[in-house]
Amino acid sequence: MTSVQESQDPWGATAAPPAPGAAGNAGPGTGTRSSLRATDVSAWFGSNKVLERVSLDMQPGQVTALIGPSGCGKSTFLRILNRMHELVPSAALSGSVELDGVDIYGPTTRVTETRLRIGMVFQRPNPFPSMTIAQNVLAGLRLSGTKVRNADDLVKDSLERAGLWKETRNRLNEAGGALSGGQQQRLCIARALAVRPRVLLMDEPCSALDPVSTSVIERTIRELCHELTIVIVTHNMQQAQRVSDNCALFLVDGEGRPGHIVESGPTADVFDRPRDPRTSDYVHGRFG
């Protein structure tokens, strides 16, 4: 049995998740119900300003949906929340993003620790084609240099939480790319969950899936939000209503202008009792 490699992070927890046990699936993220707060976030690509002073509280243990037309900065904002924005050479930003009160862009905060705490699931499923299903689940841990006590238990636990265990328990040594599109997306969710994040970001995770697979992913999101803070970008207004507790509407005021939040709040209020007439127009399909 290999020992857990421990590395302290600004949140006072080790980077490596313990093996699931009788005490529950406790880890740095599971059950933590962490808060994520963006304050006055502005973003640029070169000289092009794409976000203007975005502030948003993403509540612990809830799903926050980012909605709005294409090109209004939703996905850029999502990537800012786990420091993927800085991977673009011309990118810059101002403002702050805090996970449980710790600025993830602070001088003492390592990007690897941030991305272990704030996981990401992308629009299109991206399992590693040369890896088996089990290897895909463990890929994030291996890439970060994190060792686990019981890899088999962790694979099973992560696949169960992603709603994929029953379909793959006899196929763990098959290639991840052999799964269907919906199964591949759930495999990517399992891979993100294996590192025990506190927050899970999802960028239109169902846009490339059929209705049946979409329903399974949505059910998984609702189950996971009891233990994680989830932020999802979606263009599907019905999906936003089905899966989210809170919504934030992003808009631009004109061509070439940066995106900003017009309205945010409980999903029922945003859809049924919007404060801004632009919100009412958007959620009821009158533009966008």
C-alpha atoms as a PDB file:
ATOM      1  CA  MET A   1       0.000   0.000   0.000  1.00  0.00           C
ATOM      2  CA  THR A   2       1.415   3.383  -0.981  1.00  0.00           C
ATOM      3  CA  SER A   3       1.384   6.250   1.451  1.00  0.00           C
ATOM      4  CA  VAL A   4      -0.455   9.495   0.866  1.00  0.00           C
ATOM      5  CA  GLN A   5       1.761  12.282  -0.371  1.00  0.00           C
ATOM      6  CA  GLU A   6       0.827  15.325   1.660  1.00  0.00           C
ATOM      7  CA  SER A   7       1.283  18.938   0.592  1.00  0.00           C
ATOM      8  CA  GLN A   8      -0.168  21.751   2.624  1.00  0.00           C
ATOM      9  CA  ASP A   9      -2.314  24.303   0.872  1.00  0.00           C
ATOM     10  CA  PRO A  10      -3.739  27.703   1.844  1.00  0.00           C
ATOM     11  CA  TRP A  11      -7.039  26.084   2.876  1.00  0.00           C
ATOM     12  CA  GLY A  12      -5.372  24.024   5.584  1.00  0.00           C
ATOM     13  CA  ALA A  13      -5.968  20.621   4.002  1.00  0.00           C
ATOM     14  CA  THR A  14      -3.784  18.068   2.291  1.00  0.00           C
ATOM     15  CA  ALA A  15      -3.962  17.802  -1.454  1.00  0.00           C
ATOM     16  CA  ALA A  16      -4.426  14.042  -1.492  1.00  0.00           C
ATOM     17  CA  PRO A  17      -7.864  12.558  -0.874  1.00  0.00           C
ATOM     18  CA  PRO A  18      -8.116   9.737   1.644  1.00  0.00           C
ATOM     19  CA  ALA A  19      -9.622   6.479   0.517  1.00  0.00           C
ATOM     20  CA  PRO A  20     -13.391   6.306   1.026  1.00  0.00           C
ATOM     21  CA  GLY A  21     -14.269   4.674   4.306  1.00  0.00           C
ATOM     22  CA  ALA A  22     -16.857   4.169   6.980  1.00  0.00           C
ATOM     23  CA  ALA A  23     -16.714   7.824   7.935  1.00  0.00           C
ATOM     24  CA  GLY A  24     -18.071   8.761   4.515  1.00  0.00           C
ATOM     25  CA  ASN A  25     -16.283  10.075   1.472  1.00  0.00           C
ATOM     26  CA  ALA A  26     -14.527  12.745   3.452  1.00  0.00           C
ATOM     27  CA  GLY A  27     -11.794  14.629   1.680  1.00  0.00           C
ATOM     28  CA  PRO A  28     -10.656  18.210   1.186  1.00  0.00           C
ATOM     29  CA  GLY A  29     -13.847  18.993  -0.711  1.00  0.00           C
ATOM     30  CA  THR A  30     -16.501  16.453   0.109  1.00  0.00           C
ATOM     31  CA  GLY A  31     -18.990  17.766   2.645  1.00  0.00           C
ATOM     32  CA  THR A  32     -17.108  21.052   2.940  1.00  0.00           C
ATOM     33  CA  ARG A  33     -19.836  23.105   1.231  1.00  0.00           C
ATOM     34  CA  SER A  34     -17.330  25.759   0.291  1.00  0.00           C
ATOM     35  CA  SER A  35     -18.154  29.288  -0.760  1.00  0.00           C
ATOM     36  CA  LEU A  36     -16.790  30.922  -3.912  1.00  0.00           C
ATOM     37  CA  ARG A  37     -16.934  34.680  -4.275  1.00  0.00           C
ATOM     38  CA  ALA A  38     -15.956  36.881  -7.210  1.00  0.00           C
ATOM     39  CA  THR A  39     -15.569  40.591  -6.523  1.00  0.00           C
ATOM     40  CA  ASP A  40     -15.257  43.278  -9.212  1.00  0.00           C
ATOM     41  CA  VAL A  41     -13.736  40.893 -11.757  1.00  0.00           C
ATOM     42  CA  SER A  42     -12.814  42.489 -15.068  1.00  0.00           C
ATOM     43  CA  ALA A  43     -11.016  40.563 -17.811  1.00  0.00           C
ATOM     44  CA  TRP A  44      -9.139  41.298 -21.010  1.00  0.00           C
ATOM     45  CA  PHE A  45      -7.713  39.439 -23.968  1.00  0.00           C
ATOM     46  CA  GLY A  46      -5.019  41.823 -25.102  1.00  0.00           C
ATOM     47  CA  SER A  47      -6.669  45.231 -25.383  1.00  0.00           C
ATOM     48  CA  ASN A  48     -10.151  43.733 -25.705  1.00  0.00           C
ATOM     49  CA  LYS A  49     -12.086  43.989 -22.460  1.00  0.00           C
ATOM     50  CA  VAL A  50     -14.488  41.043 -22.195  1.00  0.00           C
ATOM     51  CA  LEU A  51     -15.830  41.338 -18.617  1.00  0.00           C
ATOM     52  CA  GLU A  52     -16.714  44.429 -16.612  1.00  0.00           C
ATOM     53  CA  ARG A  53     -16.695  44.411 -12.783  1.00  0.00           C
ATOM     54  CA  VAL A  54     -18.463  41.089 -12.236  1.00  0.00           C
ATOM     55  CA  SER A  55     -19.340  40.293  -8.619  1.00  0.00           C
ATOM     56  CA  LEU A  56     -21.086  37.072  -7.666  1.00  0.00           C
ATOM     57  CA  ASP A  57     -21.467  34.911  -4.568  1.00  0.00           C
ATOM     58  CA  MET A  58     -21.722  31.215  -5.424  1.00  0.00           C
ATOM     59  CA  GLN A  59     -23.421  29.661  -2.446  1.00  0.00           C
ATOM     60  CA  PRO A  60     -22.081  26.593  -0.611  1.00  0.00           C
ATOM     61  CA  GLY A  61     -23.761  23.331  -1.514  1.00  0.00           C
ATOM     62  CA  GLN A  62     -25.863  24.898  -4.268  1.00  0.00           C
ATOM     63  CA  VAL A  63     -25.891  25.062  -8.066  1.00  0.00           C
ATOM     64  CA  THR A  64     -25.364  28.474  -9.644  1.00  0.00           C
ATOM     65  CA  ALA A  65     -26.249  28.734 -13.351  1.00  0.00           C
ATOM     66  CA  LEU A  66     -24.589  31.333 -15.561  1.00  0.00           C
ATOM     67  CA  ILE A  67     -26.959  32.211 -18.394  1.00  0.00           C
ATOM     68  CA  GLY A  68     -26.941  34.688 -21.248  1.00  0.00           C
ATOM     69  CA  PRO A  69     -26.354  34.927 -25.019  1.00  0.00           C
ATOM     70  CA  SER A  70     -23.177  33.710 -26.672  1.00  0.00           C
ATOM     71  CA  GLY A  71     -20.274  36.117 -26.422  1.00  0.00           C
ATOM     72  CA  CYS A  72     -21.239  37.768 -23.132  1.00  0.00           C
ATOM     73  CA  GLY A  73     -18.351  36.315 -21.096  1.00  0.00           C
ATOM     74  CA  LYS A  74     -19.935  33.397 -19.225  1.00  0.00           C
ATOM     75  CA  SER A  75     -17.307  30.819 -20.154  1.00  0.00           C
ATOM     76  CA  THR A  76     -14.501  33.327 -19.641  1.00  0.00           C
ATOM     77  CA  PHE A  77     -15.810  34.022 -16.147  1.00  0.00           C
ATOM     78  CA  LEU A  78     -16.043  30.285 -15.453  1.00  0.00           C
ATOM     79  CA  ARG A  79     -12.410  29.803 -16.451  1.00  0.00           C
ATOM     80  CA  ILE A  80     -11.355  32.689 -14.249  1.00  0.00           C
ATOM     81  CA  LEU A  81     -12.828  30.798 -11.290  1.00  0.00           C
ATOM     82  CA  ASN A  82     -10.048  28.191 -11.406  1.00  0.00           C
ATOM     83  CA  ARG A  83      -7.254  30.195 -13.032  1.00  0.00           C
ATOM     84  CA  MET A  84      -7.602  28.773 -16.526  1.00  0.00           C
ATOM     85  CA  HIS A  85      -7.953  32.300 -17.892  1.00  0.00           C
ATOM     86  CA  GLU A  86      -4.272  32.911 -17.247  1.00  0.00           C
ATOM     87  CA  LEU A  87      -3.302  30.089 -19.640  1.00  0.00           C
ATOM     88  CA  VAL A  88      -3.998  32.486 -22.535  1.00  0.00           C
ATOM     89  CA  PRO A  89      -0.805  34.550 -23.069  1.00  0.00           C
ATOM     90  CA  SER A  90      -2.651  37.825 -23.740  1.00  0.00           C
ATOM     91  CA  ALA A  91      -5.134  37.410 -20.874  1.00  0.00           C
ATOM     92  CA  ALA A  92      -5.311  39.760 -17.912  1.00  0.00           C
ATOM     93  CA  LEU A  93      -7.768  40.424 -15.127  1.00  0.00           C
ATOM     94  CA  SER A  94      -8.473  42.564 -12.110  1.00  0.00           C
ATOM     95  CA  GLY A  95     -10.585  42.003  -9.024  1.00  0.00           C
ATOM     96  CA  SER A  96     -10.526  38.941  -6.788  1.00  0.00           C
ATOM     97  CA  VAL A  97     -11.858  35.394  -6.548  1.00  0.00           C
ATOM     98  CA  GLU A  98     -12.013  33.859  -3.071  1.00  0.00           C
ATOM     99  CA  LEU A  99     -12.522  30.228  -2.132  1.00  0.00           C
ATOM    100  CA  ASP A 100     -13.484  30.093   1.547  1.00  0.00           C
ATOM    101  CA  GLY A 101     -11.943  33.512   2.036  1.00  0.00           C
ATOM    102  CA  VAL A 102      -8.626  32.706   0.320  1.00  0.00           C
ATOM    103  CA  ASP A 103      -7.804  34.698  -2.828  1.00  0.00           C
ATOM    104  CA  ILE A 104      -7.018  32.060  -5.456  1.00  0.00           C
ATOM    105  CA  TYR A 105      -4.885  34.631  -7.311  1.00  0.00           C
ATOM    106  CA  GLY A 106      -2.984  35.591  -4.156  1.00  0.00           C
ATOM    107  CA  PRO A 107       0.847  35.524  -4.220  1.00  0.00           C
ATOM    108  CA  THR A 108       1.044  32.523  -1.884  1.00  0.00           C
ATOM    109  CA  THR A 109      -1.646  30.448  -3.609  1.00  0.00           C
ATOM    110  CA  ARG A 110      -0.330  27.808  -6.006  1.00  0.00           C
ATOM    111  CA  VAL A 111      -2.257  27.215  -9.208  1.00  0.00           C
ATOM    112  CA  THR A 112      -2.058  23.432  -8.778  1.00  0.00           C
ATOM    113  CA  GLU A 113      -3.720  23.647  -5.356  1.00  0.00           C
ATOM    114  CA  THR A 114      -6.408  25.916  -6.772  1.00  0.00           C
ATOM    115  CA  ARG A 115      -7.278  23.488  -9.561  1.00  0.00           C
ATOM    116  CA  LEU A 116      -7.375  20.563  -7.147  1.00  0.00           C
ATOM    117  CA  ARG A 117      -9.921  22.472  -5.079  1.00  0.00           C
ATOM    118  CA  ILE A 118     -11.905  23.872  -8.035  1.00  0.00           C
ATOM    119  CA  GLY A 119     -12.472  21.215 -10.703  1.00  0.00           C
ATOM    120  CA  MET A 120     -13.667  21.697 -14.272  1.00  0.00           C
ATOM    121  CA  VAL A 121     -15.844  19.684 -16.670  1.00  0.00           C
ATOM    122  CA  PHE A 122     -15.792  20.936 -20.247  1.00  0.00           C
ATOM    123  CA  GLN A 123     -18.426  21.258 -22.949  1.00  0.00           C
ATOM    124  CA  ARG A 124     -17.287  18.223 -24.919  1.00  0.00           C
ATOM    125  CA  PRO A 125     -16.263  14.977 -23.205  1.00  0.00           C
ATOM    126  CA  ASN A 126     -12.480  14.667 -23.210  1.00  0.00           C
ATOM    127  CA  PRO A 127     -11.398  11.321 -21.746  1.00  0.00           C
ATOM    128  CA  PHE A 128      -7.813  10.328 -22.466  1.00  0.00           C
ATOM    129  CA  PRO A 129      -8.210   7.885 -25.388  1.00  0.00           C
ATOM    130  CA  SER A 130      -5.109   5.811 -24.591  1.00  0.00           C
ATOM    131  CA  MET A 131      -6.189   5.258 -20.968  1.00  0.00           C
ATOM    132  CA  THR A 132      -8.625   2.742 -19.566  1.00  0.00           C
ATOM    133  CA  ILE A 133     -11.759   3.814 -17.734  1.00  0.00           C
ATOM    134  CA  ALA A 134     -10.037   3.280 -14.376  1.00  0.00           C
ATOM    135  CA  GLN A 135      -6.909   5.135 -15.486  1.00  0.00           C
ATOM    136  CA  ASN A 136      -9.034   8.055 -16.675  1.00  0.00           C
ATOM    137  CA  VAL A 137     -10.630   8.375 -13.236  1.00  0.00           C
ATOM    138  CA  LEU A 138      -7.199   8.530 -11.586  1.00  0.00           C
ATOM    139  CA  ALA A 139      -5.577  10.753 -14.228  1.00  0.00           C
ATOM    140  CA  GLY A 140      -5.984  14.025 -12.344  1.00  0.00           C
ATOM    141  CA  LEU A 141      -4.339  12.620  -9.244  1.00  0.00           C
ATOM    142  CA  ARG A 142      -1.439  11.206 -11.207  1.00  0.00           C
ATOM    143  CA  LEU A 143      -0.897  14.418 -13.147  1.00  0.00           C
ATOM    144  CA  SER A 144      -0.737  16.348  -9.862  1.00  0.00           C
ATOM    145  CA  GLY A 145       1.665  13.821  -8.335  1.00  0.00           C
ATOM    146  CA  THR A 146      -0.832  12.781  -5.680  1.00  0.00           C
ATOM    147  CA  LYS A 147      -0.752   9.219  -4.379  1.00  0.00           C
ATOM    148  CA  VAL A 148      -3.778   7.378  -2.988  1.00  0.00           C
ATOM    149  CA  ARG A 149      -4.037   4.603  -0.437  1.00  0.00           C
ATOM    150  CA  ASN A 150      -6.592   2.478  -2.272  1.00  0.00           C
ATOM    151  CA  ALA A 151      -6.971   3.276  -5.944  1.00  0.00           C
ATOM    152  CA  ASP A 152      -9.638   0.627  -6.563  1.00  0.00           C
ATOM    153  CA  ASP A 153     -11.928   2.030  -3.878  1.00  0.00           C
ATOM    154  CA  LEU A 154     -11.416   5.554  -5.167  1.00  0.00           C
ATOM    155  CA  VAL A 155     -12.265   4.535  -8.740  1.00  0.00           C
ATOM    156  CA  LYS A 156     -15.465   2.842  -7.582  1.00  0.00           C
ATOM    157  CA  ASP A 157     -16.469   5.737  -5.344  1.00  0.00           C
ATOM    158  CA  SER A 158     -15.854   8.362  -8.052  1.00  0.00           C
ATOM    159  CA  LEU A 159     -17.772   6.399 -10.688  1.00  0.00           C
ATOM    160  CA  GLU A 160     -20.666   5.847  -8.280  1.00  0.00           C
ATOM    161  CA  ARG A 161     -20.876   9.547  -7.498  1.00  0.00           C
ATOM    162  CA  ALA A 162     -20.851  10.305 -11.225  1.00  0.00           C
ATOM    163  CA  GLY A 163     -23.648   7.785 -11.813  1.00  0.00           C
ATOM    164  CA  LEU A 164     -21.479   5.537 -13.981  1.00  0.00           C
ATOM    165  CA  TRP A 165     -20.432   2.606 -11.794  1.00  0.00           C
ATOM    166  CA  LYS A 166     -23.174   0.143 -12.760  1.00  0.00           C
ATOM    167  CA  GLU A 167     -22.456   0.651 -16.460  1.00  0.00           C
ATOM    168  CA  THR A 168     -18.672   0.310 -16.181  1.00  0.00           C
ATOM    169  CA  ARG A 169     -17.908  -1.977 -13.227  1.00  0.00           C
ATOM    170  CA  ASN A 170     -17.145  -4.881 -15.590  1.00  0.00           C
ATOM    171  CA  ARG A 171     -15.390  -2.649 -18.135  1.00  0.00           C
ATOM    172  CA  LEU A 172     -12.793  -0.817 -16.064  1.00  0.00           C
ATOM    173  CA  ASN A 173      -9.906  -2.026 -18.239  1.00  0.00           C
ATOM    174  CA  GLU A 174     -11.551  -0.940 -21.488  1.00  0.00           C
ATOM    175  CA  ALA A 175     -10.571   2.316 -23.170  1.00  0.00           C
ATOM    176  CA  GLY A 176     -12.446   5.373 -21.947  1.00  0.00           C
ATOM    177  CA  GLY A 177     -13.039   6.373 -25.568  1.00  0.00           C
ATOM    178  CA  ALA A 178     -15.126   3.230 -26.098  1.00  0.00           C
ATOM    179  CA  LEU A 179     -17.954   4.652 -23.985  1.00  0.00           C
ATOM    180  CA  SER A 180     -20.921   6.553 -25.427  1.00  0.00           C
ATOM    181  CA  GLY A 181     -20.882  10.343 -25.432  1.00  0.00           C
ATOM    182  CA  GLY A 182     -23.008  10.625 -22.304  1.00  0.00           C
ATOM    183  CA  GLN A 183     -20.940   7.996 -20.524  1.00  0.00           C
ATOM    184  CA  GLN A 184     -17.738   9.780 -21.511  1.00  0.00           C
ATOM    185  CA  GLN A 185     -19.048  13.001 -19.971  1.00  0.00           C
ATOM    186  CA  ARG A 186     -19.860  11.187 -16.737  1.00  0.00           C
ATOM    187  CA  LEU A 187     -16.371   9.659 -16.845  1.00  0.00           C
ATOM    188  CA  CYS A 188     -14.970  13.177 -17.034  1.00  0.00           C
ATOM    189  CA  ILE A 189     -17.116  14.110 -14.025  1.00  0.00           C
ATOM    190  CA  ALA A 190     -15.749  11.073 -12.157  1.00  0.00           C
ATOM    191  CA  ARG A 191     -12.208  12.162 -13.041  1.00  0.00           C
ATOM    192  CA  ALA A 192     -12.893  15.609 -11.623  1.00  0.00           C
ATOM    193  CA  LEU A 193     -14.467  14.159  -8.473  1.00  0.00           C
ATOM    194  CA  ALA A 194     -11.540  11.819  -7.798  1.00  0.00           C
ATOM    195  CA  VAL A 195      -9.349  14.685  -6.576  1.00  0.00           C
ATOM    196  CA  ARG A 196     -12.055  15.666  -4.051  1.00  0.00           C
ATOM    197  CA  PRO A 197     -12.685  19.248  -5.205  1.00  0.00           C
ATOM    198  CA  ARG A 198     -14.639  21.720  -3.134  1.00  0.00           C
ATOM    199  CA  VAL A 199     -16.184  23.340  -6.215  1.00  0.00           C
ATOM    200  CA  LEU A 200     -17.101  21.848  -9.592  1.00  0.00           C
ATOM    201  CA  LEU A 201     -17.305  24.097 -12.663  1.00  0.00           C
ATOM    202  CA  MET A 202     -19.246  22.807 -15.673  1.00  0.00           C
ATOM    203  CA  ASP A 203     -19.132  24.547 -19.054  1.00  0.00           C
ATOM    204  CA  GLU A 204     -22.276  23.517 -20.983  1.00  0.00           C
ATOM    205  CA  PRO A 205     -21.751  19.860 -20.013  1.00  0.00           C
ATOM    206  CA  CYS A 206     -24.856  18.634 -21.870  1.00  0.00           C
ATOM    207  CA  SER A 207     -24.680  20.650 -25.091  1.00  0.00           C
ATOM    208  CA  ALA A 208     -23.276  17.727 -27.115  1.00  0.00           C
ATOM    209  CA  LEU A 209     -25.493  15.058 -25.549  1.00  0.00           C
ATOM    210  CA  ASP A 210     -28.829  13.447 -26.411  1.00  0.00           C
ATOM    211  CA  PRO A 211     -31.900  14.057 -24.183  1.00  0.00           C
ATOM    212  CA  VAL A 212     -31.513  10.776 -22.273  1.00  0.00           C
ATOM    213  CA  SER A 213     -27.851  11.428 -21.452  1.00  0.00           C
ATOM    214  CA  THR A 214     -28.703  15.027 -20.567  1.00  0.00           C
ATOM    215  CA  SER A 215     -31.291  13.812 -18.072  1.00  0.00           C
ATOM    216  CA  VAL A 216     -28.733  11.527 -16.426  1.00  0.00           C
ATOM    217  CA  ILE A 217     -26.161  14.342 -16.161  1.00  0.00           C
ATOM    218  CA  GLU A 218     -28.762  16.698 -14.682  1.00  0.00           C
ATOM    219  CA  ARG A 219     -29.715  14.096 -12.080  1.00  0.00           C
ATOM    220  CA  THR A 220     -26.033  13.673 -11.246  1.00  0.00           C
ATOM    221  CA  ILE A 221     -25.653  17.439 -10.787  1.00  0.00           C
ATOM    222  CA  ARG A 222     -28.565  17.578  -8.359  1.00  0.00           C
ATOM    223  CA  GLU A 223     -27.124  14.680  -6.368  1.00  0.00           C
ATOM    224  CA  LEU A 224     -23.630  16.173  -6.256  1.00  0.00           C
ATOM    225  CA  CYS A 225     -24.739  19.605  -5.093  1.00  0.00           C
ATOM    226  CA  HIS A 226     -25.436  18.183  -1.632  1.00  0.00           C
ATOM    227  CA  GLU A 227     -21.686  17.838  -1.155  1.00  0.00           C
ATOM    228  CA  LEU A 228     -20.172  20.329  -3.607  1.00  0.00           C
ATOM    229  CA  THR A 229     -20.629  23.895  -4.744  1.00  0.00           C
ATOM    230  CA  ILE A 230     -21.416  23.742  -8.474  1.00  0.00           C
ATOM    231  CA  VAL A 231     -21.287  26.481 -11.117  1.00  0.00           C
ATOM    232  CA  ILE A 232     -22.676  25.639 -14.555  1.00  0.00           C
ATOM    233  CA  VAL A 233     -22.811  27.564 -17.829  1.00  0.00           C
ATOM    234  CA  THR A 234     -25.898  26.706 -19.868  1.00  0.00           C
ATOM    235  CA  HIS A 235     -27.808  28.147 -22.818  1.00  0.00           C
ATOM    236  CA  ASN A 236     -30.772  25.919 -22.031  1.00  0.00           C
ATOM    237  CA  MET A 237     -33.255  27.906 -19.959  1.00  0.00           C
ATOM    238  CA  GLN A 238     -35.259  24.815 -19.022  1.00  0.00           C
ATOM    239  CA  GLN A 239     -32.064  23.154 -17.813  1.00  0.00           C
ATOM    240  CA  ALA A 240     -31.176  26.206 -15.728  1.00  0.00           C
ATOM    241  CA  GLN A 241     -34.582  25.991 -14.074  1.00  0.00           C
ATOM    242  CA  ARG A 242     -34.295  22.250 -13.494  1.00  0.00           C
ATOM    243  CA  VAL A 243     -30.810  22.056 -11.995  1.00  0.00           C
ATOM    244  CA  SER A 244     -29.914  25.409 -10.433  1.00  0.00           C
ATOM    245  CA  ASP A 245     -30.691  27.070  -7.134  1.00  0.00           C
ATOM    246  CA  ASN A 246     -29.388  30.459  -8.241  1.00  0.00           C
ATOM    247  CA  CYS A 247     -28.909  32.179 -11.609  1.00  0.00           C
ATOM    248  CA  ALA A 248     -26.804  35.029 -12.934  1.00  0.00           C
ATOM    249  CA  LEU A 249     -27.687  36.631 -16.280  1.00  0.00           C
ATOM    250  CA  PHE A 250     -24.745  37.985 -18.314  1.00  0.00           C
ATOM    251  CA  LEU A 251     -25.344  40.492 -21.115  1.00  0.00           C
ATOM    252  CA  VAL A 252     -23.422  42.991 -23.252  1.00  0.00           C
ATOM    253  CA  ASP A 253     -24.722  46.488 -23.856  1.00  0.00           C
ATOM    254  CA  GLY A 254     -23.538  46.659 -27.459  1.00  0.00           C
ATOM    255  CA  GLU A 255     -21.050  45.297 -29.974  1.00  0.00           C
ATOM    256  CA  GLY A 256     -17.515  45.420 -28.638  1.00  0.00           C
ATOM    257  CA  ARG A 257     -18.647  46.124 -25.078  1.00  0.00           C
ATOM    258  CA  PRO A 258     -17.661  43.860 -22.168  1.00  0.00           C
ATOM    259  CA  GLY A 259     -20.065  41.410 -20.580  1.00  0.00           C
ATOM    260  CA  HIS A 260     -21.511  42.085 -17.150  1.00  0.00           C
ATOM    261  CA  ILE A 261     -24.133  40.676 -14.807  1.00  0.00           C
ATOM    262  CA  VAL A 262     -27.553  42.253 -15.265  1.00  0.00           C
ATOM    263  CA  GLU A 263     -29.310  40.310 -12.539  1.00  0.00           C
ATOM    264  CA  SER A 264     -28.601  37.465 -10.145  1.00  0.00           C
ATOM    265  CA  GLY A 265     -30.525  35.710  -7.421  1.00  0.00           C
ATOM    266  CA  PRO A 266     -32.614  32.629  -6.665  1.00  0.00           C
ATOM    267  CA  THR A 267     -33.562  30.861  -9.897  1.00  0.00           C
ATOM    268  CA  ALA A 268     -37.296  31.111  -9.201  1.00  0.00           C
ATOM    269  CA  ASP A 269     -36.996  34.879  -8.771  1.00  0.00           C
ATOM    270  CA  VAL A 270     -34.885  35.371 -11.899  1.00  0.00           C
ATOM    271  CA  PHE A 271     -37.383  33.436 -14.041  1.00  0.00           C
ATOM    272  CA  ASP A 272     -40.694  34.307 -12.406  1.00  0.00           C
ATOM    273  CA  ARG A 273     -40.098  37.655 -10.703  1.00  0.00           C
ATOM    274  CA  PRO A 274     -37.201  39.355 -12.535  1.00  0.00           C
ATOM    275  CA  ARG A 275     -36.280  42.858 -11.446  1.00  0.00           C
ATOM    276  CA  ASP A 276     -34.834  43.937 -14.806  1.00  0.00           C
ATOM    277  CA  PRO A 277     -36.994  43.891 -17.970  1.00  0.00           C
ATOM    278  CA  ARG A 278     -33.990  42.590 -19.945  1.00  0.00           C
ATOM    279  CA  THR A 279     -33.991  39.518 -17.719  1.00  0.00           C
ATOM    280  CA  SER A 280     -37.646  38.878 -18.448  1.00  0.00           C
ATOM    281  CA  ASP A 281     -37.053  39.291 -22.179  1.00  0.00           C
ATOM    282  CA  TYR A 282     -34.119  36.866 -22.179  1.00  0.00           C
ATOM    283  CA  VAL A 283     -35.504  34.066 -20.035  1.00  0.00           C
ATOM    284  CA  HIS A 284     -38.772  34.127 -21.992  1.00  0.00           C
ATOM    285  CA  GLY A 285     -36.979  33.875 -25.335  1.00  0.00           C
ATOM    286  CA  ARG A 286     -37.634  37.346 -26.714  1.00  0.00           C
ATOM    287  CA  PHE A 287     -33.935  37.697 -27.633  1.00  0.00           C
ATOM    288  CA  GLY A 288     -30.692  35.705 -27.428  1.00  0.00           C
END
